[in-house]
């Protein structure tokens, strides 16, 4: 993952790790809760238990992609302004 600042990159990667840990904990808890009622219910409870963490993974990935797009647009704007200055001379 590319991020403009090291601190922001660290925060995003840390929070992504926390979100994936929530996915794993929710899936394990759902499976262990649902196995009492049968394997089919265990699979359903596993999916439902992991949804909370998957929501945060999706949210953080969306934030990262928007940030990456912003940084790339800044670079392109600088290049285009340099090209325009070169044409005007």
Protein backbone atom coordinates (compact mmCIF):
# COMPACT_ATOMS: atom_id res chain seq x y z
CA UNK A 1 0.00 0.00 0.00
CA UNK A 2 1.24 3.44 -0.89
CA UNK A 3 0.43 6.32 1.42
CA UNK A 4 1.82 9.84 1.36
CA UNK A 5 2.90 9.92 5.01
CA UNK A 6 4.42 7.18 7.11
CA UNK A 7 2.27 7.98 10.12
CA UNK A 8 -0.98 7.80 8.16
CA UNK A 9 0.18 4.56 6.54
CA UNK A 10 0.95 3.11 9.96
CA UNK A 11 -2.48 4.09 11.30
CA UNK A 12 -4.34 2.65 8.30
CA UNK A 13 -2.39 -0.62 8.40
CA UNK A 14 -2.85 -0.93 12.15
CA UNK A 15 -6.60 -0.37 11.90
CA UNK A 16 -6.82 -2.86 9.02
CA UNK A 17 -5.10 -5.41 11.24
CA UNK A 18 -7.58 -4.71 14.01
CA UNK A 19 -10.49 -5.06 11.57
CA UNK A 20 -9.19 -8.41 10.29
CA UNK A 21 -8.78 -9.56 13.90
CA UNK A 22 -12.44 -8.63 14.48
CA UNK A 23 -13.36 -10.74 11.45
CA UNK A 24 -11.45 -13.73 12.85
CA UNK A 25 -12.85 -13.33 16.37
CA UNK A 26 -16.40 -12.87 15.09
CA UNK A 27 -16.12 -15.88 12.80
CA UNK A 28 -14.71 -18.08 15.58
CA UNK A 29 -17.33 -16.94 18.05
CA UNK A 30 -20.11 -17.46 15.51
CA UNK A 31 -18.87 -20.93 14.62
CA UNK A 32 -18.52 -22.01 18.23
CA UNK A 33 -21.97 -20.66 19.03
CA UNK A 34 -23.64 -22.21 16.01
CA UNK A 35 -22.03 -25.66 16.19
CA UNK A 36 -24.38 -26.51 19.06
CA UNK A 37 -27.27 -26.43 16.59
CA UNK A 38 -25.57 -28.15 13.67
CA UNK A 39 -23.01 -27.55 10.96
CA UNK A 40 -25.36 -25.55 8.71
CA UNK A 41 -26.14 -23.12 11.52
CA UNK A 42 -22.45 -22.91 12.38
CA UNK A 43 -21.67 -21.75 8.83
CA UNK A 44 -24.48 -19.16 8.95
CA UNK A 45 -23.40 -17.89 12.38
CA UNK A 46 -19.79 -17.70 11.17
CA UNK A 47 -20.82 -15.47 8.29
CA UNK A 48 -22.97 -13.26 10.49
CA UNK A 49 -20.25 -13.04 13.14
CA UNK A 50 -17.67 -11.87 10.62
CA UNK A 51 -19.86 -9.15 9.06
CA UNK A 52 -18.97 -6.52 11.67
CA UNK A 53 -15.25 -6.80 10.99
CA UNK A 54 -15.74 -7.04 7.23
CA UNK A 55 -17.65 -3.77 7.32
CA UNK A 56 -14.66 -2.03 8.89
CA UNK A 57 -12.23 -3.67 6.45
CA UNK A 58 -14.32 -2.34 3.56
CA UNK A 59 -14.57 1.10 5.12
CA UNK A 60 -10.82 1.38 5.71
CA UNK A 61 -10.00 0.12 2.20
CA UNK A 62 -12.40 2.70 0.76
CA UNK A 63 -10.71 5.43 2.80
CA UNK A 64 -7.28 4.28 1.63
CA UNK A 65 -8.31 4.24 -2.04
CA UNK A 66 -9.76 7.75 -1.79
CA UNK A 67 -6.56 8.99 -0.16
CA UNK A 68 -4.44 7.31 -2.83
CA UNK A 69 -6.59 8.86 -5.56
CA UNK A 70 -6.16 12.30 -3.96
CA UNK A 71 -2.37 11.95 -3.86
CA UNK A 72 -2.26 10.81 -7.50
CA UNK A 73 -4.46 13.72 -8.58
CA UNK A 74 -2.09 16.15 -6.85
CA UNK A 75 0.86 14.65 -8.74
CA UNK A 76 -0.99 14.83 -12.07
CA UNK A 77 -2.05 18.42 -11.44
CA UNK A 78 1.57 19.40 -10.79
CA UNK A 79 2.72 17.67 -13.98
CA UNK A 80 -0.03 19.30 -16.04
CA UNK A 81 0.79 22.75 -14.65
CA UNK A 82 4.47 22.20 -15.55
CA UNK A 83 3.45 21.19 -19.09
CA UNK A 84 1.26 24.29 -19.37
CA UNK A 85 4.12 26.52 -18.22
CA UNK A 86 6.37 24.88 -20.83
CA UNK A 87 3.83 25.49 -23.61
CA UNK A 88 3.32 29.13 -22.64
CA UNK A 89 7.06 29.91 -22.90
